[in-house]
């Protein structure tokens, strides 16, 4: 993976951060259209409802079935956590998105929700029909010490030709750090990018995109989550960023 021990020596001192926002998206495509959704979107909702434990407090108002004469219009949607979570089944894919996942246990809860959704969906679609997966993580990392420390951190990555471009064009140019990490044996690649959060003067924007091409199942998801979390942690440590909490 990354030789972050060497990088840590180069980029000391460590800059501390706390995740101010954290959004997670999960998508898995179907290898063939889910034709059964045209006649069973209510049954899909029932399967989701039955799969989730009572502690999630799902109400009938959290369940929505959308019909239509075109396959692409069909939807079976479960809403969770007062709108902060959505699980949507269409004819082409399973789409999951959670927002504001900054609590200590939120990431584990989201993983649990996705596993329940995949398990419910496997009643209707063979797992062999689950195609490539996409996992997206986006976060605003609040830097300890505010704007001054945030800018000091980014300034470590300035390059002479970038500074020269800024002077010649009278533009504000801020460096971004990007990792593109690939594992050919396990058929995945993860991109990690860090950049200035222009809408928050004290934060850095983190974007992570993980692509997995070997197919999905409730059993393989924990491994996917471990890969994303491991790569993200190593990438942050490699550039000298350290979380004040354990939510990222």
Protein backbone atom coordinates (compact mmCIF):
# COMPACT_ATOMS: atom_id res chain seq x y z
CA UNK A 1 0.00 0.00 0.00
CA UNK A 2 1.45 3.40 0.96
CA UNK A 3 4.79 3.89 2.69
CA UNK A 4 3.27 6.38 5.08
CA UNK A 5 6.01 5.94 7.69
CA UNK A 6 8.45 7.55 5.29
CA UNK A 7 5.92 10.21 4.34
CA UNK A 8 5.22 11.03 7.99
CA UNK A 9 8.87 11.94 8.51
CA UNK A 10 8.77 14.21 5.48
CA UNK A 11 5.55 16.03 6.33
CA UNK A 12 5.86 16.50 10.08
CA UNK A 13 4.40 18.12 12.08
CA UNK A 14 1.11 16.24 12.15
CA UNK A 15 -2.01 18.33 11.49
CA UNK A 16 -5.09 17.31 13.50
CA UNK A 17 -8.61 17.37 12.11
CA UNK A 18 -12.19 16.50 12.98
CA UNK A 19 -14.78 15.50 10.41
CA UNK A 20 -17.37 18.30 10.23
CA UNK A 21 -19.47 16.42 7.69
CA UNK A 22 -19.28 12.94 6.21
CA UNK A 23 -21.42 11.56 3.38
CA UNK A 24 -21.25 7.97 2.15
CA UNK A 25 -22.70 6.62 -1.08
CA UNK A 26 -22.87 3.00 -2.21
CA UNK A 27 -24.00 1.80 -5.64
CA UNK A 28 -24.10 -1.67 -7.10
CA UNK A 29 -25.30 -2.18 -10.65
CA UNK A 30 -27.28 -5.16 -11.89
CA UNK A 31 -25.81 -7.16 -14.75
CA UNK A 32 -29.27 -7.45 -16.30
CA UNK A 33 -32.34 -5.25 -15.68
CA UNK A 34 -34.43 -6.09 -12.62
CA UNK A 35 -37.59 -6.81 -14.61
CA UNK A 36 -39.33 -8.22 -11.56
CA UNK A 37 -39.45 -4.74 -10.04
CA UNK A 38 -42.31 -3.91 -12.43
CA UNK A 39 -44.60 -6.30 -10.58
CA UNK A 40 -42.95 -6.58 -7.17
CA UNK A 41 -41.74 -3.18 -5.97
CA UNK A 42 -44.09 -3.44 -2.99
CA UNK A 43 -42.69 -6.91 -2.23
CA UNK A 44 -39.18 -5.41 -2.35
CA UNK A 45 -40.24 -2.82 0.21
CA UNK A 46 -41.70 -5.56 2.38
CA UNK A 47 -38.44 -7.51 2.18
CA UNK A 48 -36.48 -4.42 3.22
CA UNK A 49 -38.86 -3.77 6.10
CA UNK A 50 -38.62 -7.36 7.32
CA UNK A 51 -34.84 -7.48 6.98
CA UNK A 52 -34.16 -4.41 9.12
CA UNK A 53 -34.29 -4.96 12.90
CA UNK A 54 -36.94 -3.09 14.94
CA UNK A 55 -34.26 -0.79 16.41
CA UNK A 56 -34.21 1.12 13.12
CA UNK A 57 -37.79 2.22 13.79
CA UNK A 58 -39.02 1.96 10.19
CA UNK A 59 -42.55 3.34 9.69
CA UNK A 60 -44.89 3.01 6.73
CA UNK A 61 -44.15 6.64 5.89
CA UNK A 62 -40.52 5.65 5.31
CA UNK A 63 -41.48 3.30 2.46
CA UNK A 64 -42.28 4.45 -1.05
CA UNK A 65 -43.07 2.50 -4.23
CA UNK A 66 -42.98 4.37 -7.54
CA UNK A 67 -44.47 2.75 -10.62
CA UNK A 68 -44.49 3.73 -14.26
CA UNK A 69 -44.72 2.50 -17.83
CA UNK A 70 -40.96 2.80 -18.35
CA UNK A 71 -38.54 0.51 -16.53
CA UNK A 72 -36.21 3.36 -15.63
CA UNK A 73 -39.02 5.06 -13.69
CA UNK A 74 -39.56 2.20 -11.24
CA UNK A 75 -38.38 2.72 -7.67
CA UNK A 76 -38.65 1.06 -4.27
CA UNK A 77 -37.31 3.46 -1.64
CA UNK A 78 -36.64 3.19 2.08
CA UNK A 79 -35.83 6.35 4.04
CA UNK A 80 -33.90 6.17 7.30
CA UNK A 81 -32.77 8.48 10.10
CA UNK A 82 -35.17 11.34 9.32
CA UNK A 83 -34.01 11.62 5.74
CA UNK A 84 -30.28 11.31 6.38
CA UNK A 85 -30.32 7.84 4.87
CA UNK A 86 -31.90 6.54 1.68
CA UNK A 87 -31.94 3.07 0.15
CA UNK A 88 -33.32 2.99 -3.36
CA UNK A 89 -33.82 0.03 -5.66
CA UNK A 90 -34.31 0.75 -9.36
CA UNK A 91 -34.33 -1.55 -12.37
CA UNK A 92 -30.61 -0.90 -12.91
CA UNK A 93 -29.00 -0.70 -9.47
CA UNK A 94 -29.14 -0.47 -5.72
CA UNK A 95 -28.35 3.07 -4.60
CA UNK A 96 -27.61 3.92 -0.97
CA UNK A 97 -26.70 7.34 0.42
CA UNK A 98 -26.18 8.54 3.97
CA UNK A 99 -25.46 12.12 5.03
CA UNK A 100 -24.03 13.69 8.20
CA UNK A 101 -22.42 10.44 9.36
CA UNK A 102 -20.17 12.08 11.95
CA UNK A 103 -21.18 10.05 15.00
CA UNK A 104 -18.73 7.56 16.49
CA UNK A 105 -20.76 4.51 15.40
CA UNK A 106 -22.32 5.94 12.22
CA UNK A 107 -19.99 4.23 9.75
CA UNK A 108 -20.62 0.81 11.32
CA UNK A 109 -24.38 1.48 11.27
CA UNK A 110 -24.26 2.42 7.59
CA UNK A 111 -22.36 -0.77 6.78
CA UNK A 112 -25.01 -2.74 8.65
CA UNK A 113 -27.79 -1.02 6.67
CA UNK A 114 -26.16 -1.85 3.34
CA UNK A 115 -25.74 -5.48 4.37
CA UNK A 116 -29.44 -5.67 5.26
CA UNK A 117 -30.37 -4.12 1.90
CA UNK A 118 -28.20 -6.55 -0.07
CA UNK A 119 -29.62 -9.48 1.90
CA UNK A 120 -33.21 -8.37 1.23
CA UNK A 121 -32.50 -7.83 -2.45
CA UNK A 122 -30.93 -11.28 -2.83
CA UNK A 123 -34.45 -12.73 -2.43
CA UNK A 124 -35.29 -11.32 -5.85
CA UNK A 125 -31.95 -11.12 -7.66
CA UNK A 126 -29.27 -13.77 -7.67
CA UNK A 127 -26.01 -12.46 -6.23
CA UNK A 128 -24.37 -13.53 -9.49
CA UNK A 129 -26.35 -10.67 -11.08
CA UNK A 130 -24.83 -8.07 -8.75
CA UNK A 131 -22.25 -6.19 -10.80
CA UNK A 132 -19.51 -3.66 -10.05
CA UNK A 133 -19.69 -1.60 -6.88
CA UNK A 134 -18.94 2.07 -6.33
CA UNK A 135 -18.29 3.49 -2.86
CA UNK A 136 -17.98 7.26 -2.51
CA UNK A 137 -16.96 9.11 0.64
CA UNK A 138 -17.03 12.91 0.84
CA UNK A 139 -16.13 14.88 3.94
CA UNK A 140 -15.19 18.31 5.19
CA UNK A 141 -12.26 17.97 7.58
CA UNK A 142 -12.08 20.83 10.06
CA UNK A 143 -8.43 21.58 10.76
CA UNK A 144 -7.40 22.21 14.37
CA UNK A 145 -6.18 25.80 14.60
CA UNK A 146 -8.56 27.11 11.92
CA UNK A 147 -7.78 28.83 8.64
CA UNK A 148 -4.15 29.59 9.45
CA UNK A 149 -3.28 25.96 10.16
CA UNK A 150 -5.35 24.75 7.19
CA UNK A 151 -3.38 27.04 4.86
CA UNK A 152 -0.07 26.01 6.41
CA UNK A 153 -0.92 22.39 5.72
CA UNK A 154 -1.78 23.05 2.08
CA UNK A 155 1.29 25.24 1.60
CA UNK A 156 3.47 22.17 2.18
CA UNK A 157 2.43 20.96 -1.26
CA UNK A 158 3.08 24.09 -3.29
CA UNK A 159 5.43 23.65 -6.24
CA UNK A 160 7.53 26.39 -7.85
CA UNK A 161 5.85 26.17 -11.24
CA UNK A 162 2.41 26.42 -9.62
CA UNK A 163 3.48 29.51 -7.69
CA UNK A 164 4.84 30.97 -10.91
CA UNK A 165 1.56 30.32 -12.69
CA UNK A 166 -0.34 32.11 -9.93
CA UNK A 167 1.89 35.16 -10.19
CA UNK A 168 1.69 35.32 -13.96
CA UNK A 169 -2.10 34.97 -14.13
CA UNK A 170 -3.05 36.89 -10.97
CA UNK A 171 -5.11 33.90 -9.87
CA UNK A 172 -5.40 32.16 -6.53
CA UNK A 173 -4.12 28.62 -7.02
CA UNK A 174 -4.30 26.07 -4.24
CA UNK A 175 -2.58 22.67 -4.38
CA UNK A 176 -4.53 19.42 -4.17
CA UNK A 177 -3.19 16.04 -3.19
CA UNK A 178 -4.38 12.94 -5.03
CA UNK A 179 -3.69 9.23 -4.67
CA UNK A 180 -4.76 6.65 -7.25
CA UNK A 181 -4.31 3.22 -5.68
CA UNK A 182 -4.99 -0.03 -7.52
CA UNK A 183 -4.98 -3.70 -6.54
CA UNK A 184 -4.99 -5.83 -9.68
CA UNK A 185 -5.22 -9.12 -7.80
CA UNK A 186 -8.42 -8.12 -6.00
CA UNK A 187 -9.68 -6.01 -8.91
CA UNK A 188 -10.25 -2.72 -7.14
CA UNK A 189 -8.99 0.81 -7.31
CA UNK A 190 -9.44 3.70 -4.89
CA UNK A 191 -8.91 7.39 -5.58
CA UNK A 192 -8.29 9.75 -2.66
CA UNK A 193 -8.21 13.51 -3.20
CA UNK A 194 -7.67 16.34 -0.71
CA UNK A 195 -8.21 19.97 -1.60
CA UNK A 196 -9.07 23.35 -0.12
CA UNK A 197 -12.72 23.58 0.98
CA UNK A 198 -13.58 26.97 -0.52
CA UNK A 199 -16.97 27.13 1.22
CA UNK A 200 -15.37 26.55 4.64
CA UNK A 201 -12.23 28.56 5.41
CA UNK A 202 -11.18 26.16 8.17
CA UNK A 203 -11.64 22.88 6.32
CA UNK A 204 -10.14 20.56 3.75
CA UNK A 205 -12.40 18.66 1.35
CA UNK A 206 -11.85 14.90 1.18
CA UNK A 207 -13.17 12.84 -1.75
CA UNK A 208 -12.74 9.07 -1.94
CA UNK A 209 -13.96 6.90 -4.82
CA UNK A 210 -13.64 3.14 -4.61
CA UNK A 211 -14.43 0.87 -7.58
CA UNK A 212 -14.80 -2.89 -7.12
CA UNK A 213 -15.38 -5.03 -10.21
CA UNK A 214 -15.75 -8.55 -8.82
CA UNK A 215 -19.42 -8.41 -7.86
CA UNK A 216 -21.23 -7.74 -4.60
CA UNK A 217 -22.80 -9.66 -1.74
CA UNK A 218 -23.64 -9.13 1.91
CA UNK A 219 -20.62 -11.31 2.74
CA UNK A 220 -18.08 -9.29 0.74
CA UNK A 221 -19.18 -5.83 1.88
CA UNK A 222 -17.16 -5.81 5.14
CA UNK A 223 -14.00 -6.42 3.10
CA UNK A 224 -14.90 -3.50 0.82
CA UNK A 225 -15.41 -1.27 3.85
CA UNK A 226 -12.07 -2.35 5.32
CA UNK A 227 -10.31 -1.50 2.05
CA UNK A 228 -11.86 1.97 1.82
CA UNK A 229 -11.19 2.78 5.46
CA UNK A 230 -7.65 1.39 5.30
CA UNK A 231 -6.68 3.30 2.15
CA UNK A 232 -8.26 6.50 3.44
CA UNK A 233 -6.49 6.23 6.80
CA UNK A 234 -3.11 5.55 5.20
CA UNK A 235 -3.53 8.36 2.67
CA UNK A 236 -4.37 10.87 5.41
CA UNK A 237 -1.48 9.71 7.57
CA UNK A 238 0.88 9.84 4.60
CA UNK A 239 0.33 13.58 4.22
CA UNK A 240 0.39 14.26 7.96
CA UNK A 241 -3.32 14.39 8.83
CA UNK A 242 -4.50 12.79 12.03
CA UNK A 243 -8.08 12.49 13.26
CA UNK A 244 -8.97 13.85 16.69
CA UNK A 245 -11.85 11.34 16.80
CA UNK A 246 -12.44 7.85 15.43
CA UNK A 247 -15.31 8.61 13.04
CA UNK A 248 -13.02 8.72 9.99
